[in-house]
Amino acid sequence: MTIDAAKTNHQLFISKIVTTVSDPDAATKATQEIPDHHQCAFGHWYDDVGRQLFSKLPAFRALEAPHSQVHQMAKAVYAALRNGNMDEAIQKSNELSRLEQEILEKLDTLGTAIQEPRH
């Protein structure tokens, strides 16, 4: 997986969640199971190949917590929708969008760290 693919993957994932909040049928569409941060495509890469290649890089390790938070927040958005709490769903989706920016920035940092010559 490339850094660009990881960014695109998470942008699509978050966009789908945020778009669901603005859908009139949001509660019925929020039934999809949200994977945890180990089950998504990036999580599989992170836990396997990424860890083998880049675990010594602080930029790599810095991704784990916000990546987990993205998935937890996505689950919270869907839970709020299923419970009919639209205000909470909107608040959580706003937080999810903030976390998206954090993940994208950290992926950029990792991309830069990967390209730097290693000593």
PDB file of N, CA and C in Angstrom:
ATOM      1  N   MET A   1       0.855  -1.176   0.000  1.00  0.00           N
ATOM      2  CA  MET A   1       0.000   0.000   0.000  1.00  0.00           C
ATOM      3  C   MET A   1       0.896   1.231   0.000  1.00  0.00           C
ATOM      4  N   THR A   2       0.568   2.173  -0.843  1.00  0.00           N
ATOM      5  CA  THR A   2       1.315   3.428  -0.877  1.00  0.00           C
ATOM      6  C   THR A   2       0.674   4.428   0.075  1.00  0.00           C
ATOM      7  N   ILE A   3       1.398   5.483   0.376  1.00  0.00           N
ATOM      8  CA  ILE A   3       0.863   6.548   1.234  1.00  0.00           C
ATOM      9  C   ILE A   3      -0.367   7.162   0.569  1.00  0.00           C
ATOM     10  N   ASP A   4      -0.295   7.401  -0.735  1.00  0.00           N
ATOM     11  CA  ASP A   4      -1.445   7.977  -1.445  1.00  0.00           C
ATOM     12  C   ASP A   4      -2.655   7.050  -1.389  1.00  0.00           C
ATOM     13  N   ALA A   5      -2.428   5.746  -1.515  1.00  0.00           N
ATOM     14  CA  ALA A   5      -3.541   4.791  -1.433  1.00  0.00           C
ATOM     15  C   ALA A   5      -4.144   4.795  -0.034  1.00  0.00           C
ATOM     16  N   ALA A   6      -3.306   4.883   0.983  1.00  0.00           N
ATOM     17  CA  ALA A   6      -3.809   4.933   2.360  1.00  0.00           C
ATOM     18  C   ALA A   6      -4.642   6.194   2.581  1.00  0.00           C
ATOM     19  N   LYS A   7      -4.155   7.312   2.051  1.00  0.00           N
ATOM     20  CA  LYS A   7      -4.903   8.566   2.194  1.00  0.00           C
ATOM     21  C   LYS A   7      -6.252   8.463   1.494  1.00  0.00           C
ATOM     22  N   THR A   8      -6.259   7.985   0.277  1.00  0.00           N
ATOM     23  CA  THR A   8      -7.504   7.844  -0.485  1.00  0.00           C
ATOM     24  C   THR A   8      -8.464   6.906   0.224  1.00  0.00           C
ATOM     25  N   ASN A   9      -7.941   5.788   0.713  1.00  0.00           N
ATOM     26  CA  ASN A   9      -8.756   4.807   1.419  1.00  0.00           C
ATOM     27  C   ASN A   9      -9.469   5.446   2.610  1.00  0.00           C
ATOM     28  N   HIS A  10      -8.736   6.205   3.412  1.00  0.00           N
ATOM     29  CA  HIS A  10      -9.358   6.814   4.588  1.00  0.00           C
ATOM     30  C   HIS A  10     -10.271   7.981   4.219  1.00  0.00           C
ATOM     31  N   GLN A  11      -9.935   8.713   3.190  1.00  0.00           N
ATOM     32  CA  GLN A  11     -10.823   9.787   2.752  1.00  0.00           C
ATOM     33  C   GLN A  11     -12.169   9.222   2.308  1.00  0.00           C
ATOM     34  N   LEU A  12     -12.155   8.124   1.564  1.00  0.00           N
ATOM     35  CA  LEU A  12     -13.402   7.504   1.119  1.00  0.00           C
ATOM     36  C   LEU A  12     -14.191   6.947   2.299  1.00  0.00           C
ATOM     37  N   PHE A  13     -13.510   6.308   3.224  1.00  0.00           N
ATOM     38  CA  PHE A  13     -14.148   5.749   4.416  1.00  0.00           C
ATOM     39  C   PHE A  13     -14.841   6.855   5.222  1.00  0.00           C
ATOM     40  N   ILE A  14     -14.134   7.934   5.482  1.00  0.00           N
ATOM     41  CA  ILE A  14     -14.682   9.031   6.285  1.00  0.00           C
ATOM     42  C   ILE A  14     -15.773   9.758   5.521  1.00  0.00           C
ATOM     43  N   SER A  15     -15.589   9.960   4.235  1.00  0.00           N
ATOM     44  CA  SER A  15     -16.610  10.622   3.421  1.00  0.00           C
ATOM     45  C   SER A  15     -17.924   9.858   3.467  1.00  0.00           C
ATOM     46  N   LYS A  16     -17.838   8.540   3.402  1.00  0.00           N
ATOM     47  CA  LYS A  16     -19.052   7.718   3.451  1.00  0.00           C
ATOM     48  C   LYS A  16     -19.784   7.912   4.780  1.00  0.00           C
ATOM     49  N   ILE A  17     -19.051   7.956   5.863  1.00  0.00           N
ATOM     50  CA  ILE A  17     -19.661   8.131   7.187  1.00  0.00           C
ATOM     51  C   ILE A  17     -20.295   9.518   7.290  1.00  0.00           C
ATOM     52  N   VAL A  18     -19.541  10.552   6.915  1.00  0.00           N
ATOM     53  CA  VAL A  18     -20.029  11.931   7.026  1.00  0.00           C
ATOM     54  C   VAL A  18     -21.236  12.145   6.114  1.00  0.00           C
ATOM     55  N   THR A  19     -21.207  11.585   4.914  1.00  0.00           N
ATOM     56  CA  THR A  19     -22.323  11.715   3.986  1.00  0.00           C
ATOM     57  C   THR A  19     -23.579  11.046   4.531  1.00  0.00           C
ATOM     58  N   THR A  20     -23.409   9.941   5.220  1.00  0.00           N
ATOM     59  CA  THR A  20     -24.559   9.237   5.800  1.00  0.00           C
ATOM     60  C   THR A  20     -25.310  10.128   6.782  1.00  0.00           C
ATOM     61  N   VAL A  21     -24.586  10.955   7.527  1.00  0.00           N
ATOM     62  CA  VAL A  21     -25.218  11.832   8.520  1.00  0.00           C
ATOM     63  C   VAL A  21     -26.202  12.793   7.858  1.00  0.00           C
ATOM     64  N   SER A  22     -25.894  13.249   6.651  1.00  0.00           N
ATOM     65  CA  SER A  22     -26.778  14.209   5.982  1.00  0.00           C
ATOM     66  C   SER A  22     -27.890  13.542   5.181  1.00  0.00           C
ATOM     67  N   ASP A  23     -27.955  12.232   5.203  1.00  0.00           N
ATOM     68  CA  ASP A  23     -28.971  11.486   4.463  1.00  0.00           C
ATOM     69  C   ASP A  23     -30.253  11.396   5.292  1.00  0.00           C
ATOM     70  N   PRO A  24     -31.422  11.672   4.689  1.00  0.00           N
ATOM     71  CA  PRO A  24     -32.680  11.561   5.438  1.00  0.00           C
ATOM     72  C   PRO A  24     -32.928  10.149   5.986  1.00  0.00           C
ATOM     73  N   ASP A  25     -32.374   9.156   5.331  1.00  0.00           N
ATOM     74  CA  ASP A  25     -32.517   7.771   5.788  1.00  0.00           C
ATOM     75  C   ASP A  25     -31.282   7.308   6.555  1.00  0.00           C
ATOM     76  N   ALA A  26     -30.620   8.238   7.232  1.00  0.00           N
ATOM     77  CA  ALA A  26     -29.349   7.948   7.887  1.00  0.00           C
ATOM     78  C   ALA A  26     -29.442   6.791   8.876  1.00  0.00           C
ATOM     79  N   ALA A  27     -30.493   6.752   9.663  1.00  0.00           N
ATOM     80  CA  ALA A  27     -30.603   5.715  10.690  1.00  0.00           C
ATOM     81  C   ALA A  27     -30.620   4.321  10.076  1.00  0.00           C
ATOM     82  N   THR A  28     -31.298   4.183   8.947  1.00  0.00           N
ATOM     83  CA  THR A  28     -31.352   2.857   8.321  1.00  0.00           C
ATOM     84  C   THR A  28     -30.058   2.521   7.588  1.00  0.00           C
ATOM     85  N   LYS A  29     -29.310   3.535   7.167  1.00  0.00           N
ATOM     86  CA  LYS A  29     -28.047   3.288   6.473  1.00  0.00           C
ATOM     87  C   LYS A  29     -26.883   3.098   7.447  1.00  0.00           C
ATOM     88  N   ALA A  30     -27.095   3.377   8.707  1.00  0.00           N
ATOM     89  CA  ALA A  30     -26.037   3.268   9.716  1.00  0.00           C
ATOM     90  C   ALA A  30     -25.956   1.872  10.306  1.00  0.00           C
ATOM     91  N   THR A  31     -26.467   0.904   9.599  1.00  0.00           N
ATOM     92  CA  THR A  31     -26.435  -0.462  10.107  1.00  0.00           C
ATOM     93  C   THR A  31     -25.167  -1.208   9.699  1.00  0.00           C
ATOM     94  N   GLN A  32     -24.443  -0.657   8.737  1.00  0.00           N
ATOM     95  CA  GLN A  32     -23.209  -1.301   8.293  1.00  0.00           C
ATOM     96  C   GLN A  32     -22.237  -1.403   9.465  1.00  0.00           C
ATOM     97  N   GLU A  33     -21.569  -2.528   9.561  1.00  0.00           N
ATOM     98  CA  GLU A  33     -20.569  -2.720  10.600  1.00  0.00           C
ATOM     99  C   GLU A  33     -19.309  -1.941  10.240  1.00  0.00           C
ATOM    100  N   ILE A  34     -18.811  -1.169  11.170  1.00  0.00           N
ATOM    101  CA  ILE A  34     -17.580  -0.416  10.974  1.00  0.00           C
ATOM    102  C   ILE A  34     -16.420  -1.284  11.469  1.00  0.00           C
ATOM    103  N   PRO A  35     -15.429  -1.516  10.622  1.00  0.00           N
ATOM    104  CA  PRO A  35     -14.299  -2.331  11.072  1.00  0.00           C
ATOM    105  C   PRO A  35     -13.458  -1.569  12.087  1.00  0.00           C
ATOM    106  N   ASP A  36     -12.733  -2.313  12.930  1.00  0.00           N
ATOM    107  CA  ASP A  36     -11.808  -1.609  13.804  1.00  0.00           C
ATOM    108  C   ASP A  36     -10.539  -1.291  13.010  1.00  0.00           C
ATOM    109  N   HIS A  37      -9.609  -0.608  13.635  1.00  0.00           N
ATOM    110  CA  HIS A  37      -8.433  -0.123  12.913  1.00  0.00           C
ATOM    111  C   HIS A  37      -7.457  -1.230  12.512  1.00  0.00           C
ATOM    112  N   HIS A  38      -7.709  -2.441  12.944  1.00  0.00           N
ATOM    113  CA  HIS A  38      -6.889  -3.573  12.512  1.00  0.00           C
ATOM    114  C   HIS A  38      -7.510  -4.277  11.297  1.00  0.00           C
ATOM    115  N   GLN A  39      -8.803  -4.107  11.088  1.00  0.00           N
ATOM    116  CA  GLN A  39      -9.529  -4.840  10.056  1.00  0.00           C
ATOM    117  C   GLN A  39      -9.591  -4.139   8.704  1.00  0.00           C
ATOM    118  N   CYS A  40      -9.365  -2.833   8.661  1.00  0.00           N
ATOM    119  CA  CYS A  40      -9.430  -2.124   7.377  1.00  0.00           C
ATOM    120  C   CYS A  40      -8.156  -2.412   6.578  1.00  0.00           C
ATOM    121  N   ALA A  41      -8.163  -2.031   5.315  1.00  0.00           N
ATOM    122  CA  ALA A  41      -7.013  -2.301   4.434  1.00  0.00           C
ATOM    123  C   ALA A  41      -5.737  -1.669   4.988  1.00  0.00           C
ATOM    124  N   PHE A  42      -5.827  -0.432   5.433  1.00  0.00           N
ATOM    125  CA  PHE A  42      -4.644   0.222   5.988  1.00  0.00           C
ATOM    126  C   PHE A  42      -4.196  -0.480   7.267  1.00  0.00           C
ATOM    127  N   GLY A  43      -5.136  -0.885   8.093  1.00  0.00           N
ATOM    128  CA  GLY A  43      -4.804  -1.592   9.330  1.00  0.00           C
ATOM    129  C   GLY A  43      -4.078  -2.890   9.072  1.00  0.00           C
ATOM    130  N   HIS A  44      -4.514  -3.623   8.056  1.00  0.00           N
ATOM    131  CA  HIS A  44      -3.819  -4.863   7.695  1.00  0.00           C
ATOM    132  C   HIS A  44      -2.372  -4.562   7.289  1.00  0.00           C
ATOM    133  N   TRP A  45      -2.197  -3.538   6.458  1.00  0.00           N
ATOM    134  CA  TRP A  45      -0.861  -3.147   6.030  1.00  0.00           C
ATOM    135  C   TRP A  45      -0.028  -2.683   7.223  1.00  0.00           C
ATOM    136  N   TYR A  46      -0.624  -1.827   8.053  1.00  0.00           N
ATOM    137  CA  TYR A  46       0.086  -1.260   9.205  1.00  0.00           C
ATOM    138  C   TYR A  46       0.587  -2.369  10.138  1.00  0.00           C
ATOM    139  N   ASP A  47      -0.283  -3.324  10.430  1.00  0.00           N
ATOM    140  CA  ASP A  47       0.059  -4.391  11.373  1.00  0.00           C
ATOM    141  C   ASP A  47       1.037  -5.409  10.802  1.00  0.00           C
ATOM    142  N   ASP A  48       1.161  -5.474   9.492  1.00  0.00           N
ATOM    143  CA  ASP A  48       1.994  -6.503   8.873  1.00  0.00           C
ATOM    144  C   ASP A  48       3.210  -5.872   8.190  1.00  0.00           C
ATOM    145  N   VAL A  49       3.081  -5.563   6.924  1.00  0.00           N
ATOM    146  CA  VAL A  49       4.198  -5.060   6.130  1.00  0.00           C
ATOM    147  C   VAL A  49       4.739  -3.743   6.687  1.00  0.00           C
ATOM    148  N   GLY A  50       3.851  -2.840   7.001  1.00  0.00           N
ATOM    149  CA  GLY A  50       4.284  -1.547   7.527  1.00  0.00           C
ATOM    150  C   GLY A  50       5.104  -1.694   8.790  1.00  0.00           C
ATOM    151  N   ARG A  51       4.636  -2.513   9.707  1.00  0.00           N
ATOM    152  CA  ARG A  51       5.353  -2.718  10.972  1.00  0.00           C
ATOM    153  C   ARG A  51       6.727  -3.337  10.710  1.00  0.00           C
ATOM    154  N   GLN A  52       6.780  -4.281   9.785  1.00  0.00           N
ATOM    155  CA  GLN A  52       8.068  -4.915   9.461  1.00  0.00           C
ATOM    156  C   GLN A  52       9.064  -3.913   8.892  1.00  0.00           C
ATOM    157  N   LEU A  53       8.579  -3.023   8.045  1.00  0.00           N
ATOM    158  CA  LEU A  53       9.474  -2.098   7.353  1.00  0.00           C
ATOM    159  C   LEU A  53       9.761  -0.804   8.115  1.00  0.00           C
ATOM    160  N   PHE A  54       8.769  -0.300   8.840  1.00  0.00           N
ATOM    161  CA  PHE A  54       8.883   1.066   9.343  1.00  0.00           C
ATOM    162  C   PHE A  54       8.662   1.237  10.843  1.00  0.00           C
ATOM    163  N   SER A  55       8.622   0.158  11.595  1.00  0.00           N
ATOM    164  CA  SER A  55       8.283   0.264  13.023  1.00  0.00           C
ATOM    165  C   SER A  55       9.254   1.129  13.819  1.00  0.00           C
ATOM    166  N   LYS A  56      10.442   1.328  13.327  1.00  0.00           N
ATOM    167  CA  LYS A  56      11.417   2.159  14.040  1.00  0.00           C
ATOM    168  C   LYS A  56      11.200   3.657  13.800  1.00  0.00           C
ATOM    169  N   LEU A  57      10.383   3.983  12.827  1.00  0.00           N
ATOM    170  CA  LEU A  57      10.140   5.395  12.504  1.00  0.00           C
ATOM    171  C   LEU A  57       9.073   5.986  13.425  1.00  0.00           C
ATOM    172  N   PRO A  58       9.391   7.078  14.117  1.00  0.00           N
ATOM    173  CA  PRO A  58       8.368   7.727  14.957  1.00  0.00           C
ATOM    174  C   PRO A  58       7.120   8.121  14.158  1.00  0.00           C
ATOM    175  N   ALA A  59       7.306   8.508  12.900  1.00  0.00           N
ATOM    176  CA  ALA A  59       6.160   8.906  12.061  1.00  0.00           C
ATOM    177  C   ALA A  59       5.220   7.735  11.836  1.00  0.00           C
ATOM    178  N   PHE A  60       5.759   6.532  11.768  1.00  0.00           N
ATOM    179  CA  PHE A  60       4.932   5.340  11.606  1.00  0.00           C
ATOM    180  C   PHE A  60       4.148   5.079  12.893  1.00  0.00           C
ATOM    181  N   ARG A  61       4.833   5.084  14.002  1.00  0.00           N
ATOM    182  CA  ARG A  61       4.179   4.805  15.290  1.00  0.00           C
ATOM    183  C   ARG A  61       3.143   5.873  15.645  1.00  0.00           C
ATOM    184  N   ALA A  62       3.348   7.097  15.173  1.00  0.00           N
ATOM    185  CA  ALA A  62       2.423   8.197  15.476  1.00  0.00           C
ATOM    186  C   ALA A  62       1.062   8.011  14.821  1.00  0.00           C
ATOM    187  N   LEU A  63       0.961   7.108  13.868  1.00  0.00           N
ATOM    188  CA  LEU A  63      -0.315   6.879  13.174  1.00  0.00           C
ATOM    189  C   LEU A  63      -1.283   6.000  13.960  1.00  0.00           C
ATOM    190  N   GLU A  64      -0.761   5.157  14.826  1.00  0.00           N
ATOM    191  CA  GLU A  64      -1.609   4.142  15.451  1.00  0.00           C
ATOM    192  C   GLU A  64      -2.767   4.736  16.263  1.00  0.00           C
ATOM    193  N   ALA A  65      -2.493   5.673  17.146  1.00  0.00           N
ATOM    194  CA  ALA A  65      -3.556   6.230  17.999  1.00  0.00           C
ATOM    195  C   ALA A  65      -4.625   6.967  17.190  1.00  0.00           C
ATOM    196  N   PRO A  66      -4.259   7.922  16.319  1.00  0.00           N
ATOM    197  CA  PRO A  66      -5.318   8.596  15.564  1.00  0.00           C
ATOM    198  C   PRO A  66      -6.065   7.668  14.618  1.00  0.00           C
ATOM    199  N   HIS A  67      -5.383   6.656  14.092  1.00  0.00           N
ATOM    200  CA  HIS A  67      -6.062   5.701  13.220  1.00  0.00           C
ATOM    201  C   HIS A  67      -7.122   4.940  14.010  1.00  0.00           C
ATOM    202  N   SER A  68      -6.779   4.533  15.215  1.00  0.00           N
ATOM    203  CA  SER A  68      -7.747   3.870  16.088  1.00  0.00           C
ATOM    204  C   SER A  68      -8.912   4.807  16.415  1.00  0.00           C
ATOM    205  N   GLN A  69      -8.602   6.057  16.693  1.00  0.00           N
ATOM    206  CA  GLN A  69      -9.637   7.046  17.027  1.00  0.00           C
ATOM    207  C   GLN A  69     -10.598   7.273  15.865  1.00  0.00           C
ATOM    208  N   VAL A  70     -10.098   7.263  14.638  1.00  0.00           N
ATOM    209  CA  VAL A  70     -10.964   7.426  13.462  1.00  0.00           C
ATOM    210  C   VAL A  70     -12.018   6.326  13.447  1.00  0.00           C
ATOM    211  N   HIS A  71     -11.592   5.108  13.649  1.00  0.00           N
ATOM    212  CA  HIS A  71     -12.537   3.990  13.609  1.00  0.00           C
ATOM    213  C   HIS A  71     -13.500   4.025  14.797  1.00  0.00           C
ATOM    214  N   GLN A  72     -13.013   4.401  15.969  1.00  0.00           N
ATOM    215  CA  GLN A  72     -13.893   4.531  17.129  1.00  0.00           C
ATOM    216  C   GLN A  72     -14.931   5.629  16.909  1.00  0.00           C
ATOM    217  N   MET A  73     -14.497   6.746  16.329  1.00  0.00           N
ATOM    218  CA  MET A  73     -15.416   7.856  16.094  1.00  0.00           C
ATOM    219  C   MET A  73     -16.443   7.490  15.025  1.00  0.00           C
ATOM    220  N   ALA A  74     -16.024   6.768  13.999  1.00  0.00           N
ATOM    221  CA  ALA A  74     -16.970   6.327  12.963  1.00  0.00           C
ATOM    222  C   ALA A  74     -18.047   5.443  13.587  1.00  0.00           C
ATOM    223  N   LYS A  75     -17.640   4.553  14.482  1.00  0.00           N
ATOM    224  CA  LYS A  75     -18.612   3.703  15.184  1.00  0.00           C
ATOM    225  C   LYS A  75     -19.549   4.556  16.034  1.00  0.00           C
ATOM    226  N   ALA A  76     -19.010   5.595  16.665  1.00  0.00           N
ATOM    227  CA  ALA A  76     -19.837   6.475  17.505  1.00  0.00           C
ATOM    228  C   ALA A  76     -20.848   7.253  16.667  1.00  0.00           C
ATOM    229  N   VAL A  77     -20.440   7.674  15.471  1.00  0.00           N
ATOM    230  CA  VAL A  77     -21.369   8.374  14.570  1.00  0.00           C
ATOM    231  C   VAL A  77     -22.541   7.453  14.237  1.00  0.00           C
ATOM    232  N   TYR A  78     -22.232   6.235  13.826  1.00  0.00           N
ATOM    233  CA  TYR A  78     -23.294   5.294  13.460  1.00  0.00           C
ATOM    234  C   TYR A  78     -24.175   4.936  14.661  1.00  0.00           C
ATOM    235  N   ALA A  79     -23.578   4.805  15.831  1.00  0.00           N
ATOM    236  CA  ALA A  79     -24.374   4.506  17.030  1.00  0.00           C
ATOM    237  C   ALA A  79     -25.339   5.652  17.323  1.00  0.00           C
ATOM    238  N   ALA A  80     -24.875   6.882  17.192  1.00  0.00           N
ATOM    239  CA  ALA A  80     -25.746   8.041  17.419  1.00  0.00           C
ATOM    240  C   ALA A  80     -26.887   8.065  16.412  1.00  0.00           C
ATOM    241  N   LEU A  81     -26.586   7.752  15.164  1.00  0.00           N
ATOM    242  CA  LEU A  81     -27.630   7.716  14.137  1.00  0.00           C
ATOM    243  C   LEU A  81     -28.663   6.635  14.445  1.00  0.00           C
ATOM    244  N   ARG A  82     -28.183   5.454  14.819  1.00  0.00           N
ATOM    245  CA  ARG A  82     -29.113   4.361  15.144  1.00  0.00           C
ATOM    246  C   ARG A  82     -29.989   4.703  16.347  1.00  0.00           C
ATOM    247  N   ASN A  83     -29.451   5.506  17.268  1.00  0.00           N
ATOM    248  CA  ASN A  83     -30.212   5.911  18.457  1.00  0.00           C
ATOM    249  C   ASN A  83     -31.081   7.137  18.200  1.00  0.00           C
ATOM    250  N   GLY A  84     -31.036   7.659  16.977  1.00  0.00           N
ATOM    251  CA  GLY A  84     -31.861   8.816  16.633  1.00  0.00           C
ATOM    252  C   GLY A  84     -31.345  10.123  17.198  1.00  0.00           C
ATOM    253  N   ASN A  85     -30.093  10.165  17.600  1.00  0.00           N
ATOM    254  CA  ASN A  85     -29.525  11.383  18.176  1.00  0.00           C
ATOM    255  C   ASN A  85     -28.723  12.120  17.103  1.00  0.00           C
ATOM    256  N   MET A  86     -29.423  12.907  16.312  1.00  0.00           N
ATOM    257  CA  MET A  86     -28.812  13.589  15.183  1.00  0.00           C
ATOM    258  C   MET A  86     -27.786  14.631  15.625  1.00  0.00           C
ATOM    259  N   ASP A  87     -28.050  15.351  16.716  1.00  0.00           N
ATOM    260  CA  ASP A  87     -27.081  16.349  17.186  1.00  0.00           C
ATOM    261  C   ASP A  87     -25.749  15.691  17.533  1.00  0.00           C
ATOM    262  N   GLU A  88     -25.820  14.575  18.229  1.00  0.00           N
ATOM    263  CA  GLU A  88     -24.598  13.857  18.579  1.00  0.00           C
ATOM    264  C   GLU A  88     -23.909  13.319  17.322  1.00  0.00           C
ATOM    265  N   ALA A  89     -24.682  12.805  16.372  1.00  0.00           N
ATOM    266  CA  ALA A  89     -24.107  12.285  15.127  1.00  0.00           C
ATOM    267  C   ALA A  89     -23.369  13.389  14.374  1.00  0.00           C
ATOM    268  N   ILE A  90     -23.950  14.575  14.345  1.00  0.00           N
ATOM    269  CA  ILE A  90     -23.300  15.702  13.668  1.00  0.00           C
ATOM    270  C   ILE A  90     -22.020  16.092  14.393  1.00  0.00           C
ATOM    271  N   GLN A  91     -22.072  16.163  15.712  1.00  0.00           N
ATOM    272  CA  GLN A  91     -20.894  16.519  16.508  1.00  0.00           C
ATOM    273  C   GLN A  91     -19.781  15.492  16.293  1.00  0.00           C
ATOM    274  N   LYS A  92     -20.148  14.226  16.319  1.00  0.00           N
ATOM    275  CA  LYS A  92     -19.157  13.157  16.130  1.00  0.00           C
ATOM    276  C   LYS A  92     -18.613  13.162  14.702  1.00  0.00           C
ATOM    277  N   SER A  93     -19.447  13.469  13.716  1.00  0.00           N
ATOM    278  CA  SER A  93     -18.957  13.503  12.333  1.00  0.00           C
ATOM    279  C   SER A  93     -18.007  14.685  12.134  1.00  0.00           C
ATOM    280  N   ASN A  94     -18.247  15.784  12.840  1.00  0.00           N
ATOM    281  CA  ASN A  94     -17.312  16.917  12.786  1.00  0.00           C
ATOM    282  C   ASN A  94     -15.965  16.520  13.384  1.00  0.00           C
ATOM    283  N   GLU A  95     -16.005  15.788  14.486  1.00  0.00           N
ATOM    284  CA  GLU A  95     -14.772  15.298  15.103  1.00  0.00           C
ATOM    285  C   GLU A  95     -14.080  14.300  14.170  1.00  0.00           C
ATOM    286  N   LEU A  96     -14.857  13.488  13.489  1.00  0.00           N
ATOM    287  CA  LEU A  96     -14.303  12.536  12.529  1.00  0.00           C
ATOM    288  C   LEU A  96     -13.578  13.279  11.403  1.00  0.00           C
ATOM    289  N   SER A  97     -14.142  14.364  10.939  1.00  0.00           N
ATOM    290  CA  SER A  97     -13.498  15.170   9.894  1.00  0.00           C
ATOM    291  C   SER A  97     -12.190  15.783  10.402  1.00  0.00           C
ATOM    292  N   ARG A  98     -12.172  16.196  11.665  1.00  0.00           N
ATOM    293  CA  ARG A  98     -10.942  16.729  12.249  1.00  0.00           C
ATOM    294  C   ARG A  98      -9.871  15.632  12.308  1.00  0.00           C
ATOM    295  N   LEU A  99     -10.282  14.450  12.727  1.00  0.00           N
ATOM    296  CA  LEU A  99      -9.350  13.328  12.793  1.00  0.00           C
ATOM    297  C   LEU A  99      -8.833  12.945  11.405  1.00  0.00           C
ATOM    298  N   GLU A 100      -9.688  13.112  10.395  1.00  0.00           N
ATOM    299  CA  GLU A 100      -9.263  12.831   9.027  1.00  0.00           C
ATOM    300  C   GLU A 100      -8.067  13.704   8.664  1.00  0.00           C
ATOM    301  N   GLN A 101      -8.142  14.977   8.994  1.00  0.00           N
ATOM    302  CA  GLN A 101      -7.033  15.878   8.694  1.00  0.00           C
ATOM    303  C   GLN A 101      -5.761  15.458   9.434  1.00  0.00           C
ATOM    304  N   GLU A 102      -5.924  15.029  10.673  1.00  0.00           N
ATOM    305  CA  GLU A 102      -4.779  14.571  11.455  1.00  0.00           C
ATOM    306  C   GLU A 102      -4.131  13.343  10.808  1.00  0.00           C
ATOM    307  N   ILE A 103      -4.958  12.400  10.394  1.00  0.00           N
ATOM    308  CA  ILE A 103      -4.435  11.192   9.733  1.00  0.00           C
ATOM    309  C   ILE A 103      -3.713  11.559   8.439  1.00  0.00           C
ATOM    310  N   LEU A 104      -4.302  12.428   7.640  1.00  0.00           N
ATOM    311  CA  LEU A 104      -3.685  12.821   6.374  1.00  0.00           C
ATOM    312  C   LEU A 104      -2.331  13.490   6.606  1.00  0.00           C
ATOM    313  N   GLU A 105      -2.267  14.356   7.614  1.00  0.00           N
ATOM    314  CA  GLU A 105      -1.000  15.018   7.937  1.00  0.00           C
ATOM    315  C   GLU A 105       0.042  14.001   8.393  1.00  0.00           C
ATOM    316  N   LYS A 106      -0.376  13.044   9.211  1.00  0.00           N
ATOM    317  CA  LYS A 106       0.559  12.029   9.710  1.00  0.00           C
ATOM    318  C   LYS A 106       1.007  11.092   8.586  1.00  0.00           C
ATOM    319  N   LEU A 107       0.128  10.817   7.642  1.00  0.00           N
ATOM    320  CA  LEU A 107       0.528  10.013   6.486  1.00  0.00           C
ATOM    321  C   LEU A 107       1.540  10.771   5.631  1.00  0.00           C
ATOM    322  N   ASP A 108       1.343  12.077   5.477  1.00  0.00           N
ATOM    323  CA  ASP A 108       2.319  12.888   4.748  1.00  0.00           C
ATOM    324  C   ASP A 108       3.675  12.857   5.454  1.00  0.00           C
ATOM    325  N   THR A 109       3.648  12.969   6.781  1.00  0.00           N
ATOM    326  CA  THR A 109       4.883  12.919   7.559  1.00  0.00           C
ATOM    327  C   THR A 109       5.566  11.570   7.388  1.00  0.00           C
ATOM    328  N   LEU A 110       4.788  10.502   7.402  1.00  0.00           N
ATOM    329  CA  LEU A 110       5.357   9.171   7.190  1.00  0.00           C
ATOM    330  C   LEU A 110       5.956   9.068   5.792  1.00  0.00           C
ATOM    331  N   GLY A 111       5.255   9.579   4.791  1.00  0.00           N
ATOM    332  CA  GLY A 111       5.779   9.553   3.431  1.00  0.00           C
ATOM    333  C   GLY A 111       7.114  10.241   3.326  1.00  0.00           C
ATOM    334  N   THR A 112       7.245  11.385   3.979  1.00  0.00           N
ATOM    335  CA  THR A 112       8.507  12.108   3.992  1.00  0.00           C
ATOM    336  C   THR A 112       9.587  11.307   4.709  1.00  0.00           C
ATOM    337  N   ALA A 113       9.240  10.717   5.853  1.00  0.00           N
ATOM    338  CA  ALA A 113      10.206   9.929   6.636  1.00  0.00           C
ATOM    339  C   ALA A 113      10.691   8.706   5.858  1.00  0.00           C
ATOM    340  N   ILE A 114       9.805   8.099   5.101  1.00  0.00           N
ATOM    341  CA  ILE A 114      10.179   6.921   4.315  1.00  0.00           C
ATOM    342  C   ILE A 114      11.171   7.305   3.216  1.00  0.00           C
ATOM    343  N   GLN A 115      10.994   8.489   2.662  1.00  0.00           N
ATOM    344  CA  GLN A 115      11.850   8.915   1.556  1.00  0.00           C
ATOM    345  C   GLN A 115      13.213   9.417   2.011  1.00  0.00           C
ATOM    346  N   GLU A 116      13.337   9.762   3.311  1.00  0.00           N
ATOM    347  CA  GLU A 116      14.615  10.258   3.808  1.00  0.00           C
ATOM    348  C   GLU A 116      15.612   9.104   3.872  1.00  0.00           C
ATOM    349  N   PRO A 117      16.864   9.402   3.552  1.00  0.00           N
ATOM    350  CA  PRO A 117      17.877   8.336   3.639  1.00  0.00           C
ATOM    351  C   PRO A 117      18.037   7.882   5.092  1.00  0.00           C
ATOM    352  N   ARG A 118      18.169   6.575   5.245  1.00  0.00           N
ATOM    353  CA  ARG A 118      18.350   6.013   6.591  1.00  0.00           C
ATOM    354  C   ARG A 118      19.834   5.840   6.874  1.00  0.00           C
ATOM    355  N   HIS A 119      20.166   6.046   8.122  1.00  0.00           N
ATOM    356  CA  HIS A 119      21.574   5.905   8.535  1.00  0.00           C
ATOM    357  C   HIS A 119      21.802   4.556   9.146  1.00  0.00           C
TER     358      HIS A 119
END
